C-alpha atoms as a PDB file:
ATOM      1  CA  LEU A   1     -46.642  52.586  41.292  1.00  0.00           C
ATOM      2  CA  TYR A   2     -44.516  50.305  39.131  1.00  0.00           C
ATOM      3  CA  LEU A   3     -45.271  47.104  41.010  1.00  0.00           C
ATOM      4  CA  GLY A   4     -48.930  47.981  41.587  1.00  0.00           C
ATOM      5  CA  GLY A   5     -49.422  48.612  37.880  1.00  0.00           C
ATOM      6  CA  GLY A   6     -47.618  45.378  37.073  1.00  0.00           C
ATOM      7  CA  CYS A   7     -49.846  43.392  39.433  1.00  0.00           C
ATOM      8  CA  LEU A   8     -53.011  44.862  37.924  1.00  0.00           C
ATOM      9  CA  ALA A   9     -51.844  44.095  34.397  1.00  0.00           C
ATOM     10  CA  PHE A  10     -50.838  40.561  35.340  1.00  0.00           C
ATOM     11  CA  VAL A  11     -54.144  39.795  37.096  1.00  0.00           C
ATOM     12  CA  ALA A  12     -56.098  41.230  34.161  1.00  0.00           C
ATOM     13  CA  GLY A  13     -54.130  39.030  31.780  1.00  0.00           C
ATOM     14  CA  ILE A  14     -54.815  35.928  33.888  1.00  0.00           C
ATOM     15  CA  LEU A  15     -58.535  36.675  33.928  1.00  0.00           C
ATOM     16  CA  LEU A  16     -58.613  37.209  30.155  1.00  0.00           C
ATOM     17  CA  LEU A  17     -56.462  34.159  29.369  1.00  0.00           C
ATOM     18  CA  PRO A  18     -59.319  31.627  28.896  1.00  0.00           C
ATOM     19  CA  TRP A  19     -61.309  33.906  26.555  1.00  0.00           C
ATOM     20  CA  ARG A  20     -59.242  36.613  24.837  1.00  0.00           C
ATOM     21  CA  LEU A  21     -55.680  35.428  24.248  1.00  0.00           C
ATOM     22  CA  GLU A  22     -54.817  38.419  22.045  1.00  0.00           C
ATOM     23  CA  PHE A  23     -55.424  40.769  24.989  1.00  0.00           C
ATOM     24  CA  ALA A  24     -54.263  38.441  27.752  1.00  0.00           C
ATOM     25  CA  LEU A  25     -50.705  37.890  26.511  1.00  0.00           C
ATOM     26  CA  PRO A  26     -49.780  41.610  26.216  1.00  0.00           C
ATOM     27  CA  ALA A  27     -51.185  42.242  29.705  1.00  0.00           C
ATOM     28  CA  ILE A  28     -49.236  39.331  31.182  1.00  0.00           C
ATOM     29  CA  THR A  29     -46.112  40.478  29.338  1.00  0.00           C
ATOM     30  CA  LEU A  30     -46.473  43.997  30.738  1.00  0.00           C
ATOM     31  CA  GLY A  31     -46.840  42.607  34.259  1.00  0.00           C
ATOM     32  CA  ILE A  32     -43.741  40.449  33.848  1.00  0.00           C
ATOM     33  CA  VAL A  33     -41.693  43.291  32.358  1.00  0.00           C
ATOM     34  CA  LEU A  34     -42.611  45.592  35.246  1.00  0.00           C
ATOM     35  CA  ARG A  35     -41.863  42.910  37.839  1.00  0.00           C
ATOM     36  CA  LYS A  36     -38.536  42.010  36.252  1.00  0.00           C
ATOM     37  CA  ALA A  37     -37.562  45.690  35.891  1.00  0.00           C
ATOM     38  CA  LEU A  38     -36.647  45.433  32.219  1.00  0.00           C
ATOM     39  CA  VAL A  39     -35.630  48.614  30.416  1.00  0.00           C
ATOM     40  CA  PRO A  40     -37.376  51.102  30.298  1.00  0.00           C
ATOM     41  CA  PHE A  41     -39.427  49.990  33.340  1.00  0.00           C
ATOM     42  CA  HIS A  42     -36.408  49.559  35.621  1.00  0.00           C
ATOM     43  CA  PRO A  43     -36.008  52.790  37.683  1.00  0.00           C
ATOM     44  CA  TRP A  44     -37.687  51.303  40.771  1.00  0.00           C
ATOM     45  CA  LEU A  45     -35.106  48.536  41.210  1.00  0.00           C
ATOM     46  CA  PRO A  46     -31.962  50.597  42.043  1.00  0.00           C
ATOM     47  CA  VAL A  47     -34.007  52.747  44.442  1.00  0.00           C
ATOM     48  CA  LEU A  48     -35.325  49.650  46.197  1.00  0.00           C
ATOM     49  CA  PHE A  49     -31.828  48.211  46.612  1.00  0.00           C
ATOM     50  CA  GLU A  50     -30.436  51.501  47.913  1.00  0.00           C
ATOM     51  CA  ARG A  51     -33.146  52.412  50.435  1.00  0.00           C
ATOM     52  CA  ALA A  52     -35.069  49.338  51.567  1.00  0.00           C
ATOM     53  CA  PRO A  53     -33.807  46.868  54.216  1.00  0.00           C
ATOM     54  CA  LEU A  54     -31.447  44.575  52.354  1.00  0.00           C
ATOM     55  CA  GLY A  55     -32.851  41.365  53.835  1.00  0.00           C
ATOM     56  CA  GLN A  56     -36.320  42.189  52.563  1.00  0.00           C
ATOM     57  CA  VAL A  57     -34.898  43.155  49.173  1.00  0.00           C
ATOM     58  CA  ILE A  58     -33.175  39.772  48.832  1.00  0.00           C
ATOM     59  CA  ALA A  59     -36.313  37.878  49.842  1.00  0.00           C
ATOM     60  CA  PHE A  60     -38.425  39.915  47.417  1.00  0.00           C
ATOM     61  CA  CYS A  61     -36.160  39.811  44.352  1.00  0.00           C
ATOM     62  CA  ALA A  62     -34.068  36.625  44.547  1.00  0.00           C
ATOM     63  CA  PRO A  63     -36.875  34.118  43.705  1.00  0.00           C
ATOM     64  CA  GLN A  64     -37.414  35.898  40.343  1.00  0.00           C
ATOM     65  CA  VAL A  65     -41.124  35.172  40.132  1.00  0.00           C
ATOM     66  CA  GLY A  66     -41.244  36.994  36.801  1.00  0.00           C
ATOM     67  CA  ALA A  67     -39.114  34.257  35.241  1.00  0.00           C
ATOM     68  CA  TYR A  68     -41.404  31.588  36.678  1.00  0.00           C
ATOM     69  CA  ALA A  69     -44.456  33.343  35.253  1.00  0.00           C
ATOM     70  CA  THR A  70     -42.750  33.543  31.868  1.00  0.00           C
ATOM     71  CA  VAL A  71     -41.994  29.830  31.826  1.00  0.00           C
ATOM     72  CA  ARG A  72     -45.466  28.740  32.940  1.00  0.00           C
ATOM     73  CA  LEU A  73     -47.717  31.252  31.199  1.00  0.00           C
ATOM     74  CA  LEU A  74     -45.959  33.178  28.456  1.00  0.00           C
ATOM     75  CA  ALA A  75     -43.485  30.844  26.713  1.00  0.00           C
ATOM     76  CA  PRO A  76     -45.991  28.068  25.845  1.00  0.00           C
ATOM     77  CA  ARG A  77     -48.523  30.498  24.328  1.00  0.00           C
ATOM     78  CA  ALA A  78     -46.645  33.528  23.010  1.00  0.00           C
ATOM     79  CA  SER A  79     -45.577  34.001  19.422  1.00  0.00           C
ATOM     80  CA  GLU A  80     -41.946  33.911  18.383  1.00  0.00           C
ATOM     81  CA  GLU A  81     -42.012  37.650  17.641  1.00  0.00           C
ATOM     82  CA  LEU A  82     -43.144  38.461  21.178  1.00  0.00           C
ATOM     83  CA  LEU A  83     -40.489  36.229  22.744  1.00  0.00           C
ATOM     84  CA  VAL A  84     -37.749  37.707  20.555  1.00  0.00           C
ATOM     85  CA  THR A  85     -38.835  41.237  21.462  1.00  0.00           C
ATOM     86  CA  LEU A  86     -38.862  40.352  25.156  1.00  0.00           C
ATOM     87  CA  GLY A  87     -35.420  38.804  24.818  1.00  0.00           C
ATOM     88  CA  ALA A  88     -34.089  41.947  23.125  1.00  0.00           C
ATOM     89  CA  PHE A  89     -35.328  44.130  25.994  1.00  0.00           C
ATOM     90  CA  ALA A  90     -33.770  41.666  28.433  1.00  0.00           C
ATOM     91  CA  LEU A  91     -30.380  41.869  26.703  1.00  0.00           C
ATOM     92  CA  VAL A  92     -30.479  45.667  26.773  1.00  0.00           C
ATOM     93  CA  THR A  93     -31.369  45.490  30.471  1.00  0.00           C
ATOM     94  CA  ALA A  94     -28.505  43.076  31.148  1.00  0.00           C
ATOM     95  CA  LEU A  95     -25.988  45.377  29.470  1.00  0.00           C
ATOM     96  CA  HIS A  96     -27.436  48.418  31.214  1.00  0.00           C
ATOM     97  CA  GLY A  97     -27.240  46.695  34.607  1.00  0.00           C
ATOM     98  CA  ALA A  98     -23.633  45.636  33.999  1.00  0.00           C
ATOM     99  CA  CYS A  99     -22.629  49.192  33.070  1.00  0.00           C
ATOM    100  CA  LEU A 100     -24.564  50.548  36.059  1.00  0.00           C
ATOM    101  CA  ALA A 101     -22.769  48.213  38.467  1.00  0.00           C
ATOM    102  CA  PHE A 102     -19.374  49.054  36.978  1.00  0.00           C
ATOM    103  CA  GLY A 103     -19.769  52.764  37.703  1.00  0.00           C
ATOM    104  CA  GLN A 104     -21.304  52.574  41.196  1.00  0.00           C
ATOM    105  CA  LYS A 105     -19.624  53.900  44.325  1.00  0.00           C
ATOM    106  CA  SER A 106     -21.682  52.023  46.929  1.00  0.00           C
ATOM    107  CA  CYS A 107     -22.037  48.340  47.785  1.00  0.00           C
ATOM    108  CA  ARG A 108     -25.803  48.415  47.407  1.00  0.00           C
ATOM    109  CA  GLY A 109     -25.542  50.088  44.009  1.00  0.00           C
ATOM    110  CA  VAL A 110     -23.066  47.488  42.780  1.00  0.00           C
ATOM    111  CA  TYR A 111     -25.309  44.690  44.017  1.00  0.00           C
ATOM    112  CA  ALA A 112     -28.342  46.240  42.299  1.00  0.00           C
ATOM    113  CA  GLY A 113     -26.514  46.478  38.982  1.00  0.00           C
ATOM    114  CA  LEU A 114     -25.194  42.924  39.202  1.00  0.00           C
ATOM    115  CA  PHE A 115     -28.652  41.641  40.033  1.00  0.00           C
ATOM    116  CA  MET A 116     -30.233  43.494  37.131  1.00  0.00           C
ATOM    117  CA  GLY A 117     -27.543  42.373  34.698  1.00  0.00           C
ATOM    118  CA  GLN A 118     -27.476  38.682  35.572  1.00  0.00           C
ATOM    119  CA  THR A 119     -31.157  37.966  36.153  1.00  0.00           C
ATOM    120  CA  SER A 120     -32.135  39.542  32.840  1.00  0.00           C
ATOM    121  CA  MET A 121     -30.109  36.911  31.004  1.00  0.00           C
ATOM    122  CA  VAL A 122     -32.810  34.358  31.846  1.00  0.00           C
ATOM    123  CA  PHE A 123     -35.014  35.774  29.092  1.00  0.00           C
ATOM    124  CA  ALA A 124     -32.235  35.412  26.532  1.00  0.00           C
ATOM    125  CA  GLY A 125     -32.665  31.649  26.734  1.00  0.00           C
ATOM    126  CA  LEU A 126     -36.434  31.698  26.876  1.00  0.00           C
ATOM    127  CA  GLN A 127     -36.752  33.575  23.588  1.00  0.00           C
ATOM    128  CA  CYS A 128     -35.488  30.492  21.697  1.00  0.00           C
ATOM    129  CA  LEU A 129     -37.719  27.467  22.069  1.00  0.00           C
ATOM    130  CA  THR A 130     -34.905  24.963  21.586  1.00  0.00           C
ATOM    131  CA  LEU A 131     -34.049  22.515  24.343  1.00  0.00           C
ATOM    132  CA  PRO A 132     -30.482  23.777  25.091  1.00  0.00           C
ATOM    133  CA  SER A 133     -31.599  27.422  25.223  1.00  0.00           C
ATOM    134  CA  LEU A 134     -34.524  26.674  27.527  1.00  0.00           C
ATOM    135  CA  VAL A 135     -32.338  24.572  29.819  1.00  0.00           C
ATOM    136  CA  GLY A 136     -29.712  27.316  29.761  1.00  0.00           C
ATOM    137  CA  GLY A 137     -32.237  29.994  30.662  1.00  0.00           C
ATOM    138  CA  LEU A 138     -33.669  27.934  33.503  1.00  0.00           C
ATOM    139  CA  THR A 139     -30.195  27.067  34.784  1.00  0.00           C
ATOM    140  CA  VAL A 140     -29.227  30.749  34.727  1.00  0.00           C
ATOM    141  CA  TRP A 141     -32.370  31.375  36.767  1.00  0.00           C
ATOM    142  CA  LEU A 142     -31.377  28.803  39.408  1.00  0.00           C
ATOM    143  CA  SER A 143     -27.667  29.594  39.527  1.00  0.00           C
ATOM    144  CA  GLY A 144     -28.225  33.354  39.509  1.00  0.00           C
ATOM    145  CA  GLY A 145     -30.799  33.150  42.269  1.00  0.00           C
ATOM    146  CA  LEU A 146     -28.526  31.081  44.509  1.00  0.00           C
ATOM    147  CA  SER A 147     -25.299  32.991  43.890  1.00  0.00           C
ATOM    148  CA  LEU A 148     -26.849  36.455  44.056  1.00  0.00           C
ATOM    149  CA  THR A 149     -28.646  35.522  47.273  1.00  0.00           C
ATOM    150  CA  GLY A 150     -25.323  34.474  48.781  1.00  0.00           C
ATOM    151  CA  LEU A 151     -23.655  37.652  47.528  1.00  0.00           C
ATOM    152  CA  GLY A 152     -26.470  39.752  48.965  1.00  0.00           C
ATOM    153  CA  LEU A 153     -26.099  38.088  52.358  1.00  0.00           C
ATOM    154  CA  CYS A 154     -22.369  38.863  52.286  1.00  0.00           C
ATOM    155  CA  VAL A 155     -23.062  42.513  51.459  1.00  0.00           C
ATOM    156  CA  TRP A 156     -25.707  42.634  54.189  1.00  0.00           C
ATOM    157  CA  ALA A 157     -23.302  41.217  56.781  1.00  0.00           C
ATOM    158  CA  LEU A 158     -20.532  43.569  55.660  1.00  0.00           C
ATOM    159  CA  LEU A 159     -22.720  46.670  55.886  1.00  0.00           C
ATOM    160  CA  ALA A 160     -24.053  45.565  59.282  1.00  0.00           C
ATOM    161  CA  ARG A 161     -20.504  45.338  60.631  1.00  0.00           C
ATOM    162  CA  ARG A 162     -18.940  48.375  58.999  1.00  0.00           C
ATOM    163  CA  GLY A 163     -21.746  50.689  57.938  1.00  0.00           C
ATOM    164  CA  LYS A 164     -21.863  52.539  54.636  1.00  0.00           C
ATOM    165  CA  MET A 165     -18.612  52.374  52.673  1.00  0.00           C
ATOM    166  CA  ASP A 166     -17.547  54.489  49.717  1.00  0.00           C
ATOM    167  CA  LEU A 167     -15.965  52.479  46.902  1.00  0.00           C
ATOM    168  CA  LYS A 168     -13.351  55.125  46.164  1.00  0.00           C
ATOM    169  CA  VAL A 169     -10.638  53.921  48.540  1.00  0.00           C
ATOM    170  CA  TYR A 170      -9.343  50.574  49.761  1.00  0.00           C
ATOM    171  CA  HIS A 171     -10.964  49.596  53.030  1.00  0.00           C
ATOM    172  CA  GLY A 172      -8.911  46.542  54.004  1.00  0.00           C
ATOM    173  CA  GLY A 173     -10.518  43.962  56.227  1.00  0.00           C
ATOM    174  CA  TYR A 174      -9.433  40.608  54.835  1.00  0.00           C
ATOM    175  CA  GLU A 175      -7.263  39.918  57.882  1.00  0.00           C
ATOM    176  CA  ARG A 176     -10.196  40.576  60.214  1.00  0.00           C
ATOM    177  CA  SER A 177     -12.870  38.732  58.211  1.00  0.00           C
ATOM    178  CA  PRO A 178     -11.263  36.252  55.786  1.00  0.00           C
ATOM    179  CA  LEU A 179     -14.308  33.970  55.652  1.00  0.00           C
ATOM    180  CA  LEU A 180     -16.609  36.827  54.690  1.00  0.00           C
ATOM    181  CA  ALA A 181     -14.132  37.968  52.038  1.00  0.00           C
ATOM    182  CA  THR A 182     -13.853  34.453  50.607  1.00  0.00           C
ATOM    183  CA  CYS A 183     -17.622  33.989  50.493  1.00  0.00           C
ATOM    184  CA  PHE A 184     -18.038  37.376  48.804  1.00  0.00           C
ATOM    185  CA  LEU A 185     -15.541  36.442  46.102  1.00  0.00           C
ATOM    186  CA  ILE A 186     -16.949  32.938  45.524  1.00  0.00           C
ATOM    187  CA  PHE A 187     -20.579  34.035  45.298  1.00  0.00           C
ATOM    188  CA  GLY A 188     -19.687  37.035  43.163  1.00  0.00           C
ATOM    189  CA  LEU A 189     -17.705  35.006  40.652  1.00  0.00           C
ATOM    190  CA  ALA A 190     -20.342  32.264  40.665  1.00  0.00           C
ATOM    191  CA  SER A 191     -22.962  34.812  39.631  1.00  0.00           C
ATOM    192  CA  CYS A 192     -20.777  35.686  36.612  1.00  0.00           C
ATOM    193  CA  GLY A 193     -20.317  32.100  35.440  1.00  0.00           C
ATOM    194  CA  PHE A 194     -16.855  31.367  36.807  1.00  0.00           C
ATOM    195  CA  PRO A 195     -15.524  27.913  35.757  1.00  0.00           C
ATOM    196  CA  GLY A 196     -16.311  25.220  38.293  1.00  0.00           C
ATOM    197  CA  THR A 197     -19.626  26.766  39.345  1.00  0.00           C
ATOM    198  CA  LEU A 198     -23.197  26.125  38.242  1.00  0.00           C
ATOM    199  CA  GLY A 199     -23.213  29.550  36.599  1.00  0.00           C
ATOM    200  CA  PHE A 200     -20.512  28.393  34.170  1.00  0.00           C
ATOM    201  CA  ILE A 201     -22.675  25.456  33.057  1.00  0.00           C
ATOM    202  CA  ALA A 202     -25.665  27.779  32.724  1.00  0.00           C
ATOM    203  CA  GLN A 203     -23.783  30.270  30.550  1.00  0.00           C
ATOM    204  CA  ASP A 204     -22.407  27.479  28.369  1.00  0.00           C
ATOM    205  CA  LEU A 205     -25.864  25.986  27.799  1.00  0.00           C
ATOM    206  CA  LEU A 206     -27.274  29.427  27.070  1.00  0.00           C
ATOM    207  CA  LEU A 207     -24.627  30.140  24.454  1.00  0.00           C
ATOM    208  CA  GLN A 208     -24.963  26.720  22.833  1.00  0.00           C
ATOM    209  CA  GLY A 209     -28.725  27.063  22.521  1.00  0.00           C
ATOM    210  CA  THR A 210     -28.911  30.625  21.248  1.00  0.00           C
ATOM    211  CA  THR A 211     -25.719  31.625  19.428  1.00  0.00           C
ATOM    212  CA  LEU A 212     -26.364  29.681  16.212  1.00  0.00           C
ATOM    213  CA  GLU A 213     -29.803  31.231  15.734  1.00  0.00           C
ATOM    214  CA  TYR A 214     -29.116  34.638  17.309  1.00  0.00           C
ATOM    215  CA  PRO A 215     -25.368  35.449  17.204  1.00  0.00           C
ATOM    216  CA  HIS A 216     -25.863  38.843  18.868  1.00  0.00           C
ATOM    217  CA  ILE A 217     -26.866  37.065  22.076  1.00  0.00           C
ATOM    218  CA  GLY A 218     -23.418  35.504  22.335  1.00  0.00           C
ATOM    219  CA  VAL A 219     -21.687  38.863  21.861  1.00  0.00           C
ATOM    220  CA  LEU A 220     -23.851  40.677  24.410  1.00  0.00           C
ATOM    221  CA  THR A 221     -23.614  37.790  26.884  1.00  0.00           C
ATOM    222  CA  ALA A 222     -19.820  37.895  26.684  1.00  0.00           C
ATOM    223  CA  MET A 223     -19.827  41.681  27.217  1.00  0.00           C
ATOM    224  CA  VAL A 224     -22.176  41.456  30.201  1.00  0.00           C
ATOM    225  CA  THR A 225     -20.186  38.610  31.762  1.00  0.00           C
ATOM    226  CA  ALA A 226     -16.886  40.443  31.305  1.00  0.00           C
ATOM    227  CA  LEU A 227     -18.235  43.660  32.817  1.00  0.00           C
ATOM    228  CA  ASN A 228     -19.812  41.878  35.772  1.00  0.00           C
ATOM    229  CA  GLY A 229     -16.680  39.836  36.439  1.00  0.00           C
ATOM    230  CA  THR A 230     -14.576  43.001  36.377  1.00  0.00           C
ATOM    231  CA  THR A 231     -17.027  44.687  38.745  1.00  0.00           C
ATOM    232  CA  VAL A 232     -16.916  41.787  41.214  1.00  0.00           C
ATOM    233  CA  MET A 233     -13.108  41.762  41.304  1.00  0.00           C
ATOM    234  CA  ARG A 234     -12.878  45.547  41.585  1.00  0.00           C
ATOM    235  CA  THR A 235     -15.405  45.606  44.433  1.00  0.00           C
ATOM    236  CA  TYR A 236     -13.634  42.767  46.219  1.00  0.00           C
ATOM    237  CA  PHE A 237     -10.274  44.556  46.045  1.00  0.00           C
ATOM    238  CA  LEU A 238     -11.745  47.811  47.315  1.00  0.00           C
ATOM    239  CA  LEU A 239     -13.643  46.210  50.190  1.00  0.00           C
ATOM    240  CA  PHE A 240     -11.163  43.655  51.457  1.00  0.00           C
ATOM    241  CA  CYS A 241      -7.695  44.623  50.220  1.00  0.00           C
ATOM    242  CA  GLY A 242      -5.414  47.389  51.380  1.00  0.00           C
ATOM    243  CA  SER A 243      -4.143  48.225  54.834  1.00  0.00           C
ATOM    244  CA  SER A 244      -5.900  46.622  57.791  1.00  0.00           C
ATOM    245  CA  ARG A 245      -5.681  49.969  59.594  1.00  0.00           C
ATOM    246  CA  ASN A 246      -8.533  51.149  57.361  1.00  0.00           C
ATOM    247  CA  TYR A 247     -10.803  48.582  59.000  1.00  0.00           C
ATOM    248  CA  ALA A 248     -13.243  50.428  61.273  1.00  0.00           C
END
């Protein structure tokens, strides 16, 4: 229902774009918001991550076609008020996703929250039409897509080997699968902008381009990054640390 409604709105906006811009832009915006699962149109995303085959979920969500549509269709034509409003919803979504990931008890739930929190930050850069902010938003798009795809593949491989795991106890497993544990940690930290990764450059560009004009973006970005980094480390410790006898 969510994605079908978003597709209809997006197609209607494309058809109206050459003639009625005042109706086309809201329709395109609605389609993008539904596709990107921004608050309050986000309930379908955690359900998809929890129940659908994880490989198909990664292939469907990692390219972030909503961000591409925003760059090509919405940003060049939309008013500043519309872009600022969209950016505000994106920041709320990013904070909501970070809090959601922090409180999850399953690997899929953590991955869903991290994905929602990090990918929404793309719109924070696109709401400011300055060069550093646009480059920062696009770099967040590229770095987030790559790192979250790698993290998703690690989660997929881990669940295929060990089945469903409850993130309430330490499961061990680093001694049996050190490469998988290392990849999980690297991709997870890269998605949060760890120094030495492309995500760090993306976050720095985003802050440089937006903080002077919109200081609240810097505060919320720091909160989201801190929460997501804490979630990645907590999940890593629970999945790979502890006694190796817990490894099934």
